N, C-alpha and C. Protein backbone atom coordinates (compact mmCIF):
# COMPACT_ATOMS: atom_id res chain seq x y z
N MET A 1 -34.64 -5.70 56.09
CA MET A 1 -35.66 -5.87 55.07
C MET A 1 -35.09 -6.56 53.83
N LYS A 2 -33.86 -6.22 53.50
CA LYS A 2 -33.24 -6.82 52.32
C LYS A 2 -33.07 -8.32 52.50
N ALA A 3 -32.74 -8.74 53.71
CA ALA A 3 -32.55 -10.17 53.99
C ALA A 3 -33.87 -10.92 53.83
N LYS A 4 -34.97 -10.33 54.26
CA LYS A 4 -36.27 -10.98 54.10
C LYS A 4 -36.63 -11.13 52.63
N GLN A 5 -36.34 -10.12 51.84
CA GLN A 5 -36.62 -10.19 50.41
C GLN A 5 -35.78 -11.27 49.74
N LEU A 6 -34.52 -11.39 50.14
CA LEU A 6 -33.67 -12.44 49.59
C LEU A 6 -34.18 -13.82 49.97
N ASN A 7 -34.60 -13.98 51.22
CA ASN A 7 -35.12 -15.26 51.67
C ASN A 7 -36.40 -15.64 50.93
N ILE A 8 -37.28 -14.69 50.75
CA ILE A 8 -38.53 -14.95 50.04
C ILE A 8 -38.24 -15.28 48.58
N ALA A 9 -37.33 -14.56 47.95
CA ALA A 9 -36.98 -14.84 46.56
C ALA A 9 -36.38 -16.23 46.43
N LEU A 10 -35.54 -16.61 47.37
CA LEU A 10 -34.93 -17.94 47.31
C LEU A 10 -35.97 -19.04 47.49
N ILE A 11 -36.89 -18.85 48.40
CA ILE A 11 -37.95 -19.84 48.60
C ILE A 11 -38.80 -19.97 47.35
N LEU A 12 -39.12 -18.87 46.71
CA LEU A 12 -39.90 -18.92 45.46
C LEU A 12 -39.14 -19.64 44.35
N ILE A 13 -37.85 -19.42 44.26
CA ILE A 13 -37.04 -20.10 43.25
C ILE A 13 -36.98 -21.60 43.54
N ILE A 14 -36.87 -21.97 44.80
CA ILE A 14 -36.85 -23.39 45.16
C ILE A 14 -38.17 -24.05 44.79
N ILE A 15 -39.28 -23.42 45.14
CA ILE A 15 -40.60 -23.98 44.83
C ILE A 15 -40.80 -24.08 43.33
N MET A 16 -40.42 -23.04 42.59
CA MET A 16 -40.57 -23.07 41.13
C MET A 16 -39.72 -24.18 40.52
N SER A 17 -38.50 -24.33 40.98
CA SER A 17 -37.61 -25.36 40.43
C SER A 17 -38.15 -26.76 40.71
N ILE A 18 -38.64 -26.98 41.91
CA ILE A 18 -39.17 -28.29 42.26
C ILE A 18 -40.42 -28.61 41.43
N THR A 19 -41.33 -27.65 41.28
CA THR A 19 -42.56 -27.93 40.54
C THR A 19 -42.29 -28.17 39.06
N ILE A 20 -41.37 -27.43 38.48
CA ILE A 20 -41.10 -27.61 37.05
C ILE A 20 -40.34 -28.90 36.79
N ASN A 21 -39.39 -29.24 37.65
CA ASN A 21 -38.56 -30.42 37.43
C ASN A 21 -39.10 -31.69 38.08
N PHE A 22 -40.24 -31.62 38.76
CA PHE A 22 -40.71 -32.77 39.52
C PHE A 22 -41.07 -33.97 38.65
N ASN A 23 -41.76 -33.74 37.55
CA ASN A 23 -42.18 -34.87 36.70
C ASN A 23 -40.98 -35.63 36.13
N VAL A 24 -39.97 -34.91 35.71
CA VAL A 24 -38.77 -35.57 35.18
C VAL A 24 -38.06 -36.32 36.30
N PHE A 25 -38.01 -35.72 37.47
CA PHE A 25 -37.38 -36.38 38.62
C PHE A 25 -38.16 -37.63 39.02
N LEU A 26 -39.47 -37.54 39.02
CA LEU A 26 -40.31 -38.65 39.45
C LEU A 26 -40.27 -39.80 38.46
N MET A 27 -40.38 -39.52 37.19
CA MET A 27 -40.44 -40.56 36.17
C MET A 27 -39.07 -41.03 35.71
N GLY A 28 -38.04 -40.24 35.95
CA GLY A 28 -36.69 -40.64 35.57
C GLY A 28 -36.42 -40.53 34.08
N GLY A 29 -37.18 -39.73 33.39
CA GLY A 29 -36.98 -39.58 31.95
C GLY A 29 -35.85 -38.61 31.63
N ALA A 30 -35.66 -38.43 30.36
CA ALA A 30 -34.61 -37.52 29.90
C ALA A 30 -35.04 -36.07 30.14
N SER A 31 -34.09 -35.24 30.48
CA SER A 31 -34.37 -33.83 30.70
C SER A 31 -34.46 -33.10 29.38
N ASN A 32 -35.37 -32.14 29.32
CA ASN A 32 -35.43 -31.30 28.14
C ASN A 32 -34.70 -29.99 28.42
N LEU A 33 -34.69 -29.09 27.48
CA LEU A 33 -33.95 -27.85 27.59
C LEU A 33 -34.47 -26.97 28.73
N LEU A 34 -35.79 -26.96 28.94
CA LEU A 34 -36.37 -26.17 30.02
C LEU A 34 -35.86 -26.64 31.37
N ASN A 35 -35.81 -27.95 31.59
CA ASN A 35 -35.32 -28.48 32.86
C ASN A 35 -33.86 -28.12 33.10
N ILE A 36 -33.08 -28.12 32.07
CA ILE A 36 -31.66 -27.76 32.20
C ILE A 36 -31.53 -26.29 32.56
N PHE A 37 -32.30 -25.42 31.91
CA PHE A 37 -32.26 -23.99 32.23
C PHE A 37 -32.72 -23.71 33.65
N ILE A 38 -33.76 -24.40 34.09
CA ILE A 38 -34.26 -24.22 35.45
C ILE A 38 -33.21 -24.65 36.47
N THR A 39 -32.55 -25.76 36.21
CA THR A 39 -31.51 -26.24 37.12
C THR A 39 -30.34 -25.27 37.18
N ILE A 40 -29.93 -24.74 36.04
CA ILE A 40 -28.85 -23.76 36.01
C ILE A 40 -29.25 -22.49 36.75
N ALA A 41 -30.49 -22.03 36.55
CA ALA A 41 -30.97 -20.84 37.25
C ALA A 41 -31.02 -21.09 38.76
N TYR A 42 -31.38 -22.29 39.16
CA TYR A 42 -31.42 -22.67 40.58
C TYR A 42 -30.02 -22.58 41.19
N ILE A 43 -29.04 -23.12 40.51
CA ILE A 43 -27.66 -23.09 41.01
C ILE A 43 -27.13 -21.66 41.06
N ILE A 44 -27.38 -20.89 40.01
CA ILE A 44 -26.93 -19.50 39.99
C ILE A 44 -27.59 -18.69 41.09
N SER A 45 -28.87 -18.95 41.36
CA SER A 45 -29.55 -18.21 42.42
C SER A 45 -28.95 -18.51 43.78
N TRP A 46 -28.52 -19.75 44.01
CA TRP A 46 -27.87 -20.07 45.28
C TRP A 46 -26.54 -19.35 45.42
N PHE A 47 -25.74 -19.33 44.35
CA PHE A 47 -24.48 -18.60 44.41
C PHE A 47 -24.72 -17.11 44.64
N ALA A 48 -25.70 -16.54 43.97
CA ALA A 48 -26.02 -15.13 44.13
C ALA A 48 -26.51 -14.84 45.55
N PHE A 49 -27.34 -15.73 46.07
CA PHE A 49 -27.86 -15.54 47.41
C PHE A 49 -26.74 -15.56 48.45
N ILE A 50 -25.84 -16.51 48.33
CA ILE A 50 -24.73 -16.60 49.27
C ILE A 50 -23.81 -15.39 49.12
N TRP A 51 -23.56 -14.97 47.90
CA TRP A 51 -22.68 -13.82 47.67
C TRP A 51 -23.30 -12.53 48.22
N LEU A 52 -24.61 -12.36 48.04
CA LEU A 52 -25.27 -11.14 48.50
C LEU A 52 -25.47 -11.11 50.01
N SER A 53 -25.48 -12.26 50.64
CA SER A 53 -25.76 -12.29 52.07
C SER A 53 -24.53 -12.65 52.90
N LYS A 54 -23.36 -12.31 52.41
CA LYS A 54 -22.13 -12.62 53.14
C LYS A 54 -22.09 -11.95 54.51
N GLU A 55 -22.59 -10.74 54.61
CA GLU A 55 -22.53 -10.01 55.86
C GLU A 55 -23.65 -10.39 56.82
N ASN A 56 -24.71 -11.01 56.31
CA ASN A 56 -25.87 -11.33 57.14
C ASN A 56 -25.78 -12.78 57.59
N ARG A 57 -25.48 -12.98 58.84
CA ARG A 57 -25.28 -14.32 59.39
C ARG A 57 -26.56 -15.16 59.37
N LYS A 58 -27.71 -14.54 59.62
CA LYS A 58 -28.98 -15.28 59.62
C LYS A 58 -29.28 -15.83 58.24
N SER A 59 -29.01 -15.08 57.21
CA SER A 59 -29.26 -15.55 55.85
C SER A 59 -28.32 -16.70 55.48
N LEU A 60 -27.08 -16.63 55.94
CA LEU A 60 -26.15 -17.72 55.67
C LEU A 60 -26.58 -19.00 56.39
N ILE A 61 -27.08 -18.87 57.60
CA ILE A 61 -27.59 -20.05 58.32
C ILE A 61 -28.81 -20.60 57.60
N PHE A 62 -29.70 -19.73 57.13
CA PHE A 62 -30.87 -20.15 56.37
C PHE A 62 -30.47 -20.91 55.11
N SER A 63 -29.48 -20.39 54.39
CA SER A 63 -29.06 -21.06 53.16
C SER A 63 -28.39 -22.41 53.45
N THR A 64 -27.69 -22.50 54.55
CA THR A 64 -27.07 -23.76 54.93
C THR A 64 -28.11 -24.81 55.28
N ILE A 65 -29.15 -24.40 55.96
CA ILE A 65 -30.22 -25.33 56.36
C ILE A 65 -31.03 -25.78 55.16
N THR A 66 -31.36 -24.89 54.25
CA THR A 66 -32.24 -25.24 53.13
C THR A 66 -31.53 -25.93 51.98
N ILE A 67 -30.23 -25.89 51.93
CA ILE A 67 -29.54 -26.59 50.85
C ILE A 67 -29.68 -28.04 51.14
C-alpha cells in the first residue's frame, strides 16, 4: 500500500510541475521564482522517492521508467 501511495504522489508532483512550468518551457522566457521553487521541489521529490523506495524493486523500476 505504501508503494502505491508513493507512486500516486510522484505522479501528482510530475503533473503539477509540468502544468506550472509549461508556459515558460513553451515560450522560452525567463523563469520566475515560482518556477524555480517548483523545479527544486520536483528534484527533491525524486530523491525522496528513490530513497524511500530502496527496498521496493517495483517502485525503483517505475522511477527509472518515468524519469
